[in-house]
N, C-alpha and C. Protein backbone atom coordinates (compact mmCIF):
# COMPACT_ATOMS: atom_id res chain seq x y z
N MET A 1 23.93 -12.42 -14.61
CA MET A 1 22.97 -12.12 -14.94
C MET A 1 21.52 -12.91 -15.34
N ALA A 2 22.01 -14.01 -16.29
CA ALA A 2 20.75 -14.84 -16.56
C ALA A 2 20.12 -15.19 -15.41
N SER A 3 20.55 -15.67 -14.27
CA SER A 3 19.99 -16.45 -13.29
C SER A 3 18.78 -15.44 -12.35
N SER A 4 19.11 -13.79 -12.32
CA SER A 4 18.34 -12.45 -12.05
C SER A 4 17.23 -12.59 -12.80
N ILE A 5 17.34 -12.30 -14.27
CA ILE A 5 16.34 -12.80 -15.16
C ILE A 5 15.15 -13.85 -14.87
N ARG A 6 15.80 -14.71 -14.54
CA ARG A 6 15.09 -16.08 -14.46
C ARG A 6 14.21 -15.87 -13.48
N GLN A 7 14.84 -15.42 -12.14
CA GLN A 7 14.31 -14.99 -10.57
C GLN A 7 12.64 -14.18 -10.89
N GLU A 8 13.76 -12.85 -11.85
CA GLU A 8 12.28 -11.92 -12.04
C GLU A 8 11.06 -12.85 -13.17
N GLN A 9 11.49 -13.89 -13.73
CA GLN A 9 10.35 -14.35 -14.68
C GLN A 9 9.46 -15.34 -13.36
N ILE A 10 10.34 -15.89 -12.43
CA ILE A 10 9.36 -16.41 -11.27
C ILE A 10 8.44 -16.01 -11.13
N LEU A 11 9.39 -14.87 -10.45
CA LEU A 11 8.36 -13.82 -9.36
C LEU A 11 7.28 -12.89 -10.29
N ASP A 12 7.29 -12.88 -11.51
CA ASP A 12 5.98 -12.28 -12.00
C ASP A 12 5.11 -12.88 -12.14
N ARG A 13 5.48 -14.43 -12.39
CA ARG A 13 4.42 -15.94 -12.52
C ARG A 13 3.92 -16.08 -11.18
N ALA A 14 4.76 -16.25 -10.22
CA ALA A 14 4.02 -16.01 -8.83
C ALA A 14 3.05 -15.01 -8.72
N VAL A 15 3.15 -13.89 -9.48
CA VAL A 15 1.94 -12.18 -8.91
C VAL A 15 1.32 -12.89 -9.69
N GLU A 16 1.15 -13.47 -10.63
CA GLU A 16 0.01 -13.79 -11.56
C GLU A 16 -0.80 -14.92 -10.97
N LEU A 17 -0.59 -15.69 -10.26
CA LEU A 17 -0.94 -16.75 -9.84
C LEU A 17 -1.81 -16.23 -8.52
N VAL A 18 -0.93 -15.58 -7.50
CA VAL A 18 -1.53 -14.64 -6.62
C VAL A 18 -3.06 -13.81 -6.87
N ALA A 19 -2.57 -13.30 -7.73
CA ALA A 19 -3.43 -12.42 -8.22
C ALA A 19 -4.98 -13.45 -8.68
N LYS A 20 -4.95 -14.01 -9.05
CA LYS A 20 -6.03 -15.16 -9.72
C LYS A 20 -6.46 -16.03 -8.61
N ALA A 21 -5.67 -16.27 -7.61
CA ALA A 21 -6.32 -17.34 -6.76
C ALA A 21 -5.67 -17.31 -5.30
N GLY A 22 -4.48 -15.94 -4.93
CA GLY A 22 -5.01 -15.95 -3.37
C GLY A 22 -3.17 -16.49 -3.00
N LEU A 23 -2.90 -16.14 -2.36
CA LEU A 23 -1.40 -16.58 -1.57
C LEU A 23 -1.72 -18.38 -1.16
N ALA A 24 -2.88 -18.12 -0.51
CA ALA A 24 -3.21 -19.73 -0.04
C ALA A 24 -3.09 -21.26 -1.03
N ASN A 25 -3.28 -20.45 -2.35
CA ASN A 25 -3.02 -21.59 -3.43
C ASN A 25 -1.81 -21.15 -4.15
N LEU A 26 -1.04 -20.69 -3.90
CA LEU A 26 0.40 -20.54 -4.17
C LEU A 26 1.05 -21.54 -3.99
N THR A 27 1.90 -22.49 -4.62
CA THR A 27 2.64 -23.39 -4.63
C THR A 27 3.90 -23.50 -5.95
N MET A 28 4.74 -23.99 -5.55
CA MET A 28 6.04 -24.33 -6.30
C MET A 28 5.50 -25.09 -7.49
N LYS A 29 5.18 -25.74 -7.09
CA LYS A 29 4.55 -26.75 -8.48
C LYS A 29 3.34 -25.91 -9.48
N LYS A 30 2.64 -25.20 -8.99
CA LYS A 30 1.78 -24.52 -9.68
C LYS A 30 2.87 -23.16 -10.39
N ILE A 31 3.25 -22.56 -10.02
CA ILE A 31 4.94 -21.73 -10.28
C ILE A 31 5.40 -22.52 -11.41
N ALA A 32 6.12 -23.26 -11.05
CA ALA A 32 6.57 -24.16 -12.63
C ALA A 32 6.17 -24.13 -13.67
N GLY A 33 4.83 -24.76 -13.37
CA GLY A 33 3.85 -25.28 -14.57
C GLY A 33 3.75 -23.53 -15.53
N ARG A 34 3.80 -22.80 -14.89
CA ARG A 34 3.11 -21.76 -15.39
C ARG A 34 4.54 -20.54 -15.82
N VAL A 35 5.74 -21.19 -15.65
CA VAL A 35 6.80 -20.63 -15.83
C VAL A 35 7.66 -21.35 -17.01
N GLY A 36 7.17 -22.88 -17.11
CA GLY A 36 7.94 -23.71 -17.71
C GLY A 36 9.06 -24.41 -17.31
N PHE A 37 9.79 -23.98 -16.09
CA PHE A 37 10.41 -24.96 -15.39
C PHE A 37 10.07 -26.05 -14.96
N SER A 38 11.10 -26.97 -14.60
CA SER A 38 10.74 -27.86 -13.34
C SER A 38 10.80 -27.57 -12.07
N GLU A 39 9.93 -28.33 -11.28
CA GLU A 39 9.79 -27.47 -9.92
C GLU A 39 11.21 -27.84 -9.30
N ALA A 40 12.24 -28.57 -9.41
CA ALA A 40 13.32 -28.54 -8.92
C ALA A 40 13.89 -27.16 -9.39
N ALA A 41 13.55 -26.52 -10.44
CA ALA A 41 14.70 -25.69 -11.21
C ALA A 41 13.87 -24.37 -10.44
N ILE A 42 12.58 -24.39 -9.85
CA ILE A 42 11.65 -23.31 -9.21
C ILE A 42 12.99 -23.49 -7.50
N TYR A 43 13.05 -24.04 -6.97
CA TYR A 43 13.77 -24.29 -5.44
C TYR A 43 15.41 -24.27 -5.79
N ARG A 44 15.88 -23.87 -6.92
CA ARG A 44 17.10 -23.30 -7.25
C ARG A 44 17.26 -22.17 -7.13
N HIS A 45 16.48 -21.39 -7.27
CA HIS A 45 16.74 -19.96 -7.22
C HIS A 45 15.72 -19.77 -5.87
N PHE A 46 14.92 -20.31 -5.64
CA PHE A 46 14.52 -19.97 -4.35
C PHE A 46 14.24 -21.35 -3.26
N PRO A 47 14.58 -21.91 -2.44
CA PRO A 47 15.01 -22.87 -1.67
C PRO A 47 13.89 -23.12 -0.60
N THR A 48 12.73 -22.22 -0.66
CA THR A 48 11.69 -22.45 0.19
C THR A 48 10.64 -21.61 -0.21
N LYS A 49 9.40 -22.01 -0.26
CA LYS A 49 8.22 -21.07 -0.15
C LYS A 49 8.66 -19.58 0.52
N GLN A 50 9.33 -19.77 1.91
CA GLN A 50 9.38 -18.44 2.54
C GLN A 50 9.92 -17.70 1.71
N ARG A 51 11.35 -18.30 1.23
CA ARG A 51 12.29 -17.20 0.40
C ARG A 51 11.24 -16.61 -0.83
N LEU A 52 10.81 -17.20 -1.20
CA LEU A 52 9.95 -16.78 -2.42
C LEU A 52 9.15 -15.32 -1.94
N LEU A 53 8.27 -15.75 -0.97
CA LEU A 53 7.48 -14.31 -0.40
C LEU A 53 8.15 -13.60 0.35
N ILE A 54 9.35 -13.56 0.75
CA ILE A 54 10.14 -12.41 1.26
C ILE A 54 10.68 -11.80 0.29
N SER A 55 11.03 -12.63 -1.31
CA SER A 55 11.40 -12.36 -2.40
C SER A 55 10.38 -11.24 -2.98
N LEU A 56 8.78 -11.49 -3.10
CA LEU A 56 7.87 -10.67 -3.47
C LEU A 56 7.27 -9.53 -2.39
N MET A 57 8.06 -9.59 -0.95
CA MET A 57 8.03 -8.61 -0.18
C MET A 57 8.82 -7.39 -0.80
N ASP A 58 10.62 -7.64 -1.14
CA ASP A 58 10.66 -7.05 -1.84
C ASP A 58 10.74 -6.19 -3.11
N ARG A 59 9.64 -6.98 -3.89
CA ARG A 59 9.56 -6.27 -4.99
C ARG A 59 8.54 -5.37 -4.60
N LEU A 60 7.64 -5.56 -3.36
CA LEU A 60 6.62 -4.63 -3.28
C LEU A 60 7.19 -3.54 -2.50
N GLU A 61 8.61 -3.69 -1.78
CA GLU A 61 9.36 -2.41 -1.48
C GLU A 61 9.31 -1.81 -2.45
N ARG A 62 9.75 -2.32 -3.53
CA ARG A 62 10.33 -1.36 -4.84
C ARG A 62 9.13 -0.81 -5.40
N LEU A 63 8.06 -1.20 -5.41
CA LEU A 63 7.17 -0.74 -6.04
C LEU A 63 6.04 0.32 -5.08
N LEU A 64 6.08 -0.04 -4.00
CA LEU A 64 5.60 0.90 -3.06
C LEU A 64 6.33 1.75 -2.50
N LEU A 65 7.51 1.29 -1.79
CA LEU A 65 7.90 1.79 -0.74
C LEU A 65 8.85 3.07 -1.44
N ASP A 66 9.61 2.70 -2.52
CA ASP A 66 10.78 3.16 -3.09
C ASP A 66 10.42 4.61 -3.59
N PRO A 67 9.33 4.61 -4.25
CA PRO A 67 8.54 5.82 -5.04
C PRO A 67 8.38 7.04 -3.70
N ILE A 68 7.51 6.52 -2.57
CA ILE A 68 6.92 6.86 -1.70
C ILE A 68 8.27 7.78 -0.80
N ARG A 69 9.59 7.02 -0.64
CA ARG A 69 10.23 7.41 -0.08
C ARG A 69 11.11 9.04 -0.91
N ALA A 70 10.76 8.63 -2.41
CA ALA A 70 11.35 10.11 -3.27
C ALA A 70 10.22 10.82 -3.16
N ILE A 71 8.62 10.98 -2.94
CA ILE A 71 8.05 11.83 -3.32
C ILE A 71 8.23 12.79 -1.42
N ALA A 72 8.62 11.80 -0.46
CA ALA A 72 8.72 12.68 0.55
C ALA A 72 9.41 13.30 0.67
N ALA A 73 10.81 13.01 0.19
CA ALA A 73 11.91 13.47 0.44
C ALA A 73 12.00 14.86 -0.49
N ASP A 74 10.82 15.36 -1.74
CA ASP A 74 11.03 16.41 -2.53
C ASP A 74 10.45 17.31 -1.89
N ALA A 75 11.46 18.52 -0.90
CA ALA A 75 11.46 19.54 -0.19
C ALA A 75 10.97 20.87 -1.07
N THR A 76 10.51 20.78 -2.42
CA THR A 76 10.19 21.68 -3.11
C THR A 76 8.81 21.37 -3.19
N THR A 77 8.21 20.67 -2.73
CA THR A 77 6.97 20.32 -2.90
C THR A 77 6.06 20.67 -1.67
N PRO A 78 5.16 21.31 -1.40
CA PRO A 78 4.31 21.41 -0.02
C PRO A 78 3.79 19.49 0.45
N PRO A 79 3.98 20.22 1.83
CA PRO A 79 3.87 18.86 2.62
C PRO A 79 2.24 18.30 2.04
N ALA A 80 1.50 18.73 2.46
CA ALA A 80 0.20 18.44 1.56
C ALA A 80 -0.44 17.88 0.24
N ASP A 81 0.79 18.37 -0.74
CA ASP A 81 0.87 17.82 -2.11
C ASP A 81 1.71 16.56 -2.10
N ARG A 82 2.64 16.37 -1.49
CA ARG A 82 3.42 15.40 -1.10
C ARG A 82 2.49 13.83 -0.32
N LEU A 83 2.05 14.30 0.40
CA LEU A 83 0.80 13.42 1.22
C LEU A 83 -0.23 12.80 -0.44
N SER A 84 -0.80 13.76 -0.59
CA SER A 84 -1.24 13.48 -2.02
C SER A 84 -1.02 12.81 -2.91
N SER A 85 0.45 12.91 -2.92
CA SER A 85 0.65 12.04 -4.39
C SER A 85 0.94 10.88 -3.61
N ILE A 86 1.64 10.68 -2.47
CA ILE A 86 1.95 8.90 -1.92
C ILE A 86 0.37 8.54 -1.77
N LEU A 87 -0.49 8.93 -1.55
CA LEU A 87 -1.98 8.41 -1.37
C LEU A 87 -2.34 7.81 -2.62
N THR A 88 -1.86 8.68 -3.53
CA THR A 88 -2.80 8.32 -5.32
C THR A 88 -1.64 7.74 -5.22
N HIS A 89 -0.69 7.39 -5.26
CA HIS A 89 0.42 5.90 -5.71
C HIS A 89 0.53 5.01 -5.00
N HIS A 90 0.07 4.51 -3.99
CA HIS A 90 -0.34 3.51 -3.26
C HIS A 90 -1.60 2.88 -3.72
N LEU A 91 -2.78 3.79 -3.72
CA LEU A 91 -3.93 3.29 -4.46
C LEU A 91 -3.71 2.67 -5.80
N ARG A 92 -3.33 3.19 -6.54
CA ARG A 92 -2.74 2.96 -7.93
C ARG A 92 -1.99 1.57 -7.86
N ILE A 93 -0.90 1.49 -7.10
CA ILE A 93 -0.41 -0.13 -6.87
C ILE A 93 -1.45 -0.93 -6.62
N VAL A 94 -1.81 -0.49 -5.65
CA VAL A 94 -3.37 -1.45 -5.10
C VAL A 94 -4.03 -2.08 -6.15
N LEU A 95 -4.57 -1.06 -7.36
CA LEU A 95 -5.52 -1.85 -8.71
C LEU A 95 -4.38 -1.99 -9.65
N ASP A 96 -3.29 -1.34 -9.64
CA ASP A 96 -2.26 -2.26 -10.53
C ASP A 96 -2.06 -3.69 -10.69
N HIS A 97 -1.96 -4.15 -8.89
CA HIS A 97 -1.23 -5.17 -8.66
C HIS A 97 -2.41 -6.05 -8.05
N ASP A 98 -3.42 -5.80 -8.55
CA ASP A 98 -4.48 -6.82 -7.55
C ASP A 98 -4.80 -7.14 -6.48
N SER A 99 -4.52 -6.00 -5.63
CA SER A 99 -4.33 -5.65 -4.18
C SER A 99 -2.89 -6.81 -3.36
N LEU A 100 -2.07 -6.67 -3.98
CA LEU A 100 -1.03 -7.48 -3.84
C LEU A 100 -0.46 -7.44 -2.27
N PRO A 101 -0.08 -5.86 -2.02
CA PRO A 101 0.30 -5.10 -0.94
C PRO A 101 -0.73 -6.06 0.40
N ILE A 102 -1.91 -6.12 0.14
CA ILE A 102 -2.87 -6.58 1.74
C ILE A 102 -2.51 -7.77 1.61
N LEU A 103 -2.26 -8.51 0.58
CA LEU A 103 -2.48 -10.07 0.55
C LEU A 103 -1.25 -10.60 1.02
N LEU A 104 0.06 -9.81 0.98
CA LEU A 104 1.34 -10.15 1.43
C LEU A 104 0.78 -9.78 2.98
N LEU A 105 0.79 -9.05 3.40
CA LEU A 105 0.45 -8.83 4.12
C LEU A 105 -0.68 -9.57 5.10
N ALA A 106 -1.60 -10.35 5.10
CA ALA A 106 -2.24 -10.98 5.30
C ALA A 106 -1.68 -12.22 5.42
N GLU A 107 -0.87 -12.45 4.50
CA GLU A 107 0.34 -13.77 4.23
C GLU A 107 1.03 -14.19 5.63
N ALA A 108 1.29 -12.85 5.91
CA ALA A 108 2.69 -12.67 6.83
C ALA A 108 2.32 -12.66 8.34
N SER A 109 1.03 -11.90 8.43
CA SER A 109 0.19 -11.93 9.73
C SER A 109 0.08 -13.64 9.94
N ALA A 110 -0.59 -14.14 8.95
CA ALA A 110 -1.52 -15.25 9.53
C ALA A 110 -0.57 -16.61 9.46
N SER A 111 0.76 -16.41 8.87
CA SER A 111 1.98 -17.21 9.20
C SER A 111 2.36 -17.66 10.22
N GLY A 112 2.53 -16.39 11.10
CA GLY A 112 3.18 -16.27 12.34
C GLY A 112 4.58 -16.34 12.28
N ASP A 113 5.11 -16.79 10.95
CA ASP A 113 6.44 -17.00 10.18
C ASP A 113 7.45 -15.56 10.76
N PRO A 114 8.43 -15.58 11.42
CA PRO A 114 8.47 -14.29 12.21
C PRO A 114 9.50 -13.42 11.29
N LYS A 115 10.15 -14.27 10.26
CA LYS A 115 10.66 -13.40 9.17
C LYS A 115 9.70 -13.21 8.21
N LEU A 116 8.84 -13.54 7.83
CA LEU A 116 7.86 -12.99 7.17
C LEU A 116 7.03 -11.44 7.70
N VAL A 117 6.87 -11.47 9.07
CA VAL A 117 6.22 -10.52 9.78
C VAL A 117 7.37 -9.48 9.69
N GLN A 118 8.17 -9.71 10.04
CA GLN A 118 9.77 -8.60 10.36
C GLN A 118 9.97 -7.92 8.88
N ARG A 119 9.59 -8.90 7.80
CA ARG A 119 9.59 -8.29 6.67
C ARG A 119 8.78 -7.41 6.04
N MET A 120 7.30 -7.54 6.37
CA MET A 120 6.39 -6.35 6.30
C MET A 120 6.52 -5.82 7.04
N ARG A 121 6.88 -5.33 8.42
CA ARG A 121 7.33 -4.36 9.16
C ARG A 121 8.55 -3.62 8.79
N ASP A 122 9.64 -4.37 7.95
CA ASP A 122 10.41 -3.35 7.67
C ASP A 122 9.89 -2.28 6.70
N ILE A 123 8.63 -2.74 5.60
CA ILE A 123 8.41 -1.81 4.73
C ILE A 123 7.22 -0.78 5.56
N PHE A 124 6.39 -1.42 6.05
CA PHE A 124 5.32 -0.79 6.77
C PHE A 124 5.76 0.07 7.92
N SER A 125 6.58 0.04 8.94
CA SER A 125 6.97 1.10 9.53
C SER A 125 7.58 2.24 9.05
N PRO A 126 8.77 2.26 8.26
CA PRO A 126 8.88 3.40 7.47
C PRO A 126 8.01 4.18 6.65
N TYR A 127 7.14 3.53 6.27
CA TYR A 127 6.13 4.27 5.36
C TYR A 127 5.14 4.87 6.35
N ARG A 128 4.46 4.49 7.70
CA ARG A 128 4.09 5.15 8.45
C ARG A 128 4.80 6.12 8.92
N ALA A 129 5.91 6.24 9.32
CA ALA A 129 6.99 7.09 9.84
C ALA A 129 7.08 8.35 8.46
N LEU A 130 7.08 7.91 7.70
CA LEU A 130 7.00 8.98 6.54
C LEU A 130 5.71 9.84 6.65
N LEU A 131 4.46 9.12 6.45
CA LEU A 131 3.38 9.51 6.30
C LEU A 131 3.10 10.67 7.85
N ARG A 132 3.28 10.07 8.94
CA ARG A 132 3.50 10.91 10.24
C ARG A 132 4.09 12.31 10.31
N GLU A 133 5.62 12.26 9.88
CA GLU A 133 6.22 13.32 9.67
C GLU A 133 5.59 14.24 8.42
N LEU A 134 5.37 13.80 7.49
CA LEU A 134 4.18 14.79 6.78
C LEU A 134 3.25 15.41 7.47
N LEU A 135 2.45 14.32 8.28
CA LEU A 135 1.23 14.91 8.76
C LEU A 135 1.59 16.00 9.90
N THR A 136 2.94 15.78 10.52
CA THR A 136 2.97 16.62 11.35
C THR A 136 3.11 18.28 10.86
N GLN A 137 3.68 17.99 9.36
CA GLN A 137 4.14 18.98 9.14
C GLN A 137 2.76 20.07 8.54
N VAL A 138 1.90 19.19 7.79
CA VAL A 138 0.22 19.57 7.40
C VAL A 138 -0.37 20.27 8.62
N ARG A 139 -0.27 19.31 9.86
CA ARG A 139 -1.38 20.00 10.76
C ARG A 139 -0.39 20.49 12.02
N PRO A 140 -0.17 21.77 12.01
CA PRO A 140 0.34 22.28 13.13
C PRO A 140 -0.10 22.05 14.30
N LYS A 141 0.30 21.70 15.66
CA LYS A 141 -0.25 21.16 16.68
C LYS A 141 -0.70 22.35 17.60
N GLY A 142 -1.81 21.95 18.01
CA GLY A 142 -2.30 22.84 19.25
C GLY A 142 -2.26 22.85 20.65
N ARG A 143 -2.96 23.06 21.63
CA ARG A 143 -2.26 23.30 22.62
C ARG A 143 -2.53 21.79 23.38
N SER A 144 -3.35 21.25 22.60
CA SER A 144 -2.77 19.37 23.39
C SER A 144 -2.32 18.56 22.39
N GLY A 145 -1.66 19.09 21.88
CA GLY A 145 -0.23 18.44 20.99
C GLY A 145 -0.48 17.79 19.77
N ARG A 146 -2.02 17.79 19.48
CA ARG A 146 -2.58 16.84 18.61
C ARG A 146 -3.37 17.61 17.73
N ALA A 147 -2.91 17.73 16.12
CA ALA A 147 -4.23 18.02 15.23
C ALA A 147 -5.27 18.01 15.34
N GLY A 148 -5.88 19.39 14.94
CA GLY A 148 -7.49 19.79 15.34
C GLY A 148 -7.73 19.00 13.63
N VAL A 149 -9.09 18.06 13.81
CA VAL A 149 -9.69 18.01 12.37
C VAL A 149 -11.49 18.70 12.60
N THR A 150 -11.59 19.23 11.96
CA THR A 150 -13.13 19.67 12.80
C THR A 150 -14.35 18.74 11.51
N GLY A 151 -14.82 17.92 11.42
CA GLY A 151 -16.25 17.78 10.69
C GLY A 151 -17.21 18.75 10.70
N THR A 152 -18.15 18.37 9.47
CA THR A 152 -19.02 19.36 8.66
C THR A 152 -19.80 19.88 9.74
N ASP A 153 -20.53 18.45 10.56
CA ASP A 153 -21.81 18.62 11.47
C ASP A 153 -21.06 18.35 13.14
N GLY A 154 -19.68 18.70 13.33
CA GLY A 154 -19.58 18.75 14.81
C GLY A 154 -18.15 19.43 15.16
N PRO A 155 -17.96 19.60 16.79
CA PRO A 155 -16.79 20.54 16.90
C PRO A 155 -15.57 19.63 16.29
N GLU A 156 -14.93 20.46 16.70
CA GLU A 156 -13.28 19.96 16.70
C GLU A 156 -12.81 18.62 17.47
N THR A 157 -12.26 17.97 17.00
CA THR A 157 -11.80 16.61 17.49
C THR A 157 -10.06 16.53 17.14
N ALA A 158 -9.35 16.45 18.49
CA ALA A 158 -8.06 16.06 18.88
C ALA A 158 -7.64 14.62 17.96
N ILE A 159 -6.67 14.46 17.00
CA ILE A 159 -6.45 12.99 16.61
C ILE A 159 -4.91 13.61 16.39
N GLY A 160 -3.94 12.74 16.75
CA GLY A 160 -2.65 12.80 15.96
C GLY A 160 -2.04 12.07 15.18
N PRO A 161 -0.76 12.65 14.83
CA PRO A 161 -0.56 12.37 13.69
C PRO A 161 -0.42 10.71 13.22
N ASP A 162 -0.19 9.91 14.11
CA ASP A 162 0.00 8.98 14.45
C ASP A 162 -1.36 8.04 13.56
N SER A 163 -2.55 8.53 14.56
CA SER A 163 -3.99 8.01 14.31
C SER A 163 -4.02 8.39 12.81
N LEU A 164 -3.83 9.41 12.37
CA LEU A 164 -4.13 10.15 10.94
C LEU A 164 -3.40 9.16 9.81
N ALA A 165 -1.97 9.07 10.43
CA ALA A 165 -1.34 7.61 9.44
C ALA A 165 -2.09 6.49 9.39
N LEU A 166 -2.66 5.99 10.47
CA LEU A 166 -3.49 4.91 10.42
C LEU A 166 -4.68 4.98 9.43
N LEU A 167 -5.30 6.29 9.46
CA LEU A 167 -6.23 6.52 8.91
C LEU A 167 -6.31 6.55 6.92
N MET A 168 -4.42 7.01 6.78
CA MET A 168 -4.45 7.30 5.68
C MET A 168 -4.26 6.10 4.86
N LEU A 169 -3.47 4.88 5.80
CA LEU A 169 -3.36 3.53 5.46
C LEU A 169 -4.59 2.88 5.04
N GLY A 170 -5.64 2.79 5.84
CA GLY A 170 -6.83 2.38 5.71
C GLY A 170 -7.51 2.49 4.53
N VAL A 171 -7.27 3.54 3.75
CA VAL A 171 -7.58 3.73 2.59
C VAL A 171 -7.65 2.94 1.29
N PRO A 172 -5.90 2.54 1.16
CA PRO A 172 -5.38 1.61 0.22
C PRO A 172 -6.23 0.24 0.92
N ALA A 173 -6.13 -0.19 2.42
CA ALA A 173 -6.53 -1.50 2.42
C ALA A 173 -7.98 -1.50 2.22
N ALA A 174 -8.88 -0.79 2.29
CA ALA A 174 -10.06 -0.95 1.94
C ALA A 174 -10.41 -1.05 0.43
N LEU A 175 -9.40 -0.27 -0.11
CA LEU A 175 -10.02 -0.55 -1.82
C LEU A 175 -9.48 -2.32 -2.14
N ALA A 176 -8.11 -2.10 -1.55
CA ALA A 176 -8.05 -3.56 -1.60
C ALA A 176 -9.11 -4.73 -1.38
N ILE A 177 -9.38 -4.72 -0.31
CA ILE A 177 -10.61 -5.70 -0.04
C ILE A 177 -11.39 -5.34 -0.73
N GLN A 178 -12.20 -4.15 -1.24
CA GLN A 178 -13.19 -3.88 -2.33
C GLN A 178 -12.84 -4.59 -3.78
N HIS A 179 -11.32 -4.61 -3.93
CA HIS A 179 -10.49 -4.86 -5.44
C HIS A 179 -11.11 -6.52 -5.71
N ARG A 180 -10.76 -6.94 -4.53
CA ARG A 180 -10.55 -8.64 -4.62
C ARG A 180 -11.76 -9.20 -4.34
N LEU A 181 -13.02 -8.80 -3.74
CA LEU A 181 -14.12 -9.33 -3.15
C LEU A 181 -15.33 -9.09 -4.30
N GLN A 182 -15.11 -7.45 -4.82
CA GLN A 182 -16.35 -7.23 -5.57
C GLN A 182 -15.73 -6.17 -6.27
N PRO A 183 -14.91 -6.24 -7.08
CA PRO A 183 -14.35 -5.41 -7.85
C PRO A 183 -15.48 -4.36 -8.90
N GLN A 184 -15.29 -3.09 -8.71
CA GLN A 184 -16.50 -1.75 -9.51
C GLN A 184 -15.60 -1.06 -9.90
N ARG A 185 -15.87 -0.71 -11.08
CA ARG A 185 -14.32 0.07 -11.70
C ARG A 185 -15.01 1.72 -10.99
N ALA A 186 -16.42 1.97 -11.16
CA ALA A 186 -16.77 3.36 -10.80
C ALA A 186 -16.04 3.68 -9.26
N ILE A 187 -16.48 2.52 -8.31
CA ILE A 187 -15.88 2.79 -6.87
C ILE A 187 -14.76 2.88 -6.91
N GLU A 188 -14.07 1.96 -7.77
CA GLU A 188 -12.38 2.47 -7.78
C GLU A 188 -11.54 3.72 -8.02
N ARG A 189 -12.38 3.88 -9.18
CA ARG A 189 -12.02 5.50 -9.49
C ARG A 189 -12.28 6.50 -8.54
N GLN A 190 -13.26 6.04 -7.86
CA GLN A 190 -13.96 7.48 -6.86
C GLN A 190 -13.14 7.32 -5.29
N ALA A 191 -11.85 6.23 -5.69
CA ALA A 191 -11.25 6.27 -4.25
C ALA A 191 -10.31 7.21 -4.54
N ILE A 192 -10.10 7.39 -6.01
CA ILE A 192 -8.55 8.63 -6.06
C ILE A 192 -9.08 9.23 -6.33
N THR A 193 -10.36 9.46 -7.13
CA THR A 193 -10.68 10.89 -7.49
C THR A 193 -11.71 11.63 -6.41
N GLU A 194 -12.34 10.89 -5.38
CA GLU A 194 -13.04 11.66 -4.43
C GLU A 194 -12.72 11.46 -3.14
N VAL A 195 -12.41 10.16 -2.72
CA VAL A 195 -12.22 9.92 -1.67
C VAL A 195 -10.48 10.25 -1.22
N ALA A 196 -9.93 10.07 -1.88
CA ALA A 196 -8.29 10.78 -1.30
C ALA A 196 -8.76 12.23 -1.49
N PRO A 197 -9.12 12.91 -1.96
CA PRO A 197 -8.99 14.15 -2.05
C PRO A 197 -9.48 14.89 -0.75
N TRP A 198 -10.67 14.08 -0.46
CA TRP A 198 -11.73 14.34 0.48
C TRP A 198 -11.33 14.47 1.55
N LEU A 199 -10.04 13.11 1.98
CA LEU A 199 -9.53 12.85 3.10
C LEU A 199 -8.56 13.65 3.30
N LEU A 200 -7.88 14.08 2.59
CA LEU A 200 -6.76 14.96 2.75
C LEU A 200 -7.18 16.57 2.68
N ALA A 201 -8.41 16.99 2.33
CA ALA A 201 -8.82 18.20 2.92
C ALA A 201 -9.16 18.41 4.12
N ALA A 202 -9.61 17.11 4.62
CA ALA A 202 -9.98 16.75 5.72
C ALA A 202 -8.88 17.55 6.66
N ILE A 203 -7.62 17.06 6.47
CA ILE A 203 -6.75 16.81 7.50
C ILE A 203 -6.07 18.27 7.07
N ALA A 204 -5.74 18.48 6.01
CA ALA A 204 -4.90 19.86 5.74
C ALA A 204 -5.95 20.96 6.16
N GLY A 205 -7.16 20.75 5.70
CA GLY A 205 -7.59 22.08 6.15
C GLY A 205 -8.41 22.26 7.13
N GLY A 206 -8.67 21.27 7.90
CA GLY A 206 -9.73 20.88 8.73
C GLY A 206 -10.50 21.27 8.88
N ARG A 207 -11.22 20.75 7.47
CA ARG A 207 -12.92 20.75 7.47
C ARG A 207 -13.20 19.98 6.30
N ALA A 208 -14.02 19.03 6.30
CA ALA A 208 -14.06 18.18 5.26
C ALA A 208 -15.52 18.48 4.37
N THR A 209 -15.14 18.82 3.31
CA THR A 209 -15.82 19.27 2.28
C THR A 209 -16.08 18.26 1.21
N ALA A 210 -17.31 17.95 -0.04
CA ALA A 210 -17.39 17.73 -0.95
C ALA A 210 -16.58 17.70 -1.96
N PRO A 211 -16.48 16.77 -2.90
CA PRO A 211 -15.30 16.95 -3.80
C PRO A 211 -16.09 18.17 -4.80
N SER A 212 -15.24 18.68 -5.54
CA SER A 212 -16.35 19.28 -6.77
C SER A 212 -16.62 18.62 -7.74
N ARG A 213 -17.47 19.44 -8.35
CA ARG A 213 -17.92 18.72 -9.80
C ARG A 213 -16.85 18.15 -10.51
N ARG A 214 -15.87 18.80 -10.72
CA ARG A 214 -14.53 18.46 -11.71
C ARG A 214 -14.05 17.44 -11.45
N THR A 215 -14.02 16.82 -10.08
CA THR A 215 -13.21 15.66 -9.88
C THR A 215 -14.58 14.30 -9.87
N ARG A 216 -15.57 14.47 -9.94
CA ARG A 216 -16.54 13.53 -10.25
C ARG A 216 -16.51 12.75 -11.95
N ARG A 217 -16.83 11.76 -11.60
CA ARG A 217 -16.70 10.73 -12.72
C ARG A 217 -17.79 10.04 -13.14
């Protein structure tokens, strides 16, 4: 029990360091200094930096994917509403945890470490599959076998649920980049109050419309 608490404390401080200086500057020595342990004590809990990063990814899964699974499984809620809740949850995780999801994804990709890459796949593959399933329910297939999304100034364009899932995943990723490089509260609020509803309206209704005045801040 005590060991588990210490590990969580170490991960808490590691997240703080990542938020402050990015994963590239995360070292066991810096974590030890922030926790108040010796560096050797850190290694007793996490023998390698790889193990520490995987534990951070485990935490990300609990924060991000576990609630999303619960939202997706709620058959009493319409699929479009579940998609809205999922996207809003993801956006809030990005802001509340200083873009941790995309930072870990970038670290895994850049490292070339098969274990880190696989761990991120274990998180995002089922996430994308959940989105795809809900999107299939929201946008019934036409003759082409794809959902049709109609823009305000053009004809219907066929786009499949896999591509729509990527589009949805792109909104939190873009917000994470914005938040890290040039944080602006107004833009970040708009991602939740304007961009997300607009995108979901376009997917569910087939026509993109401007957000109502009530959603503007």
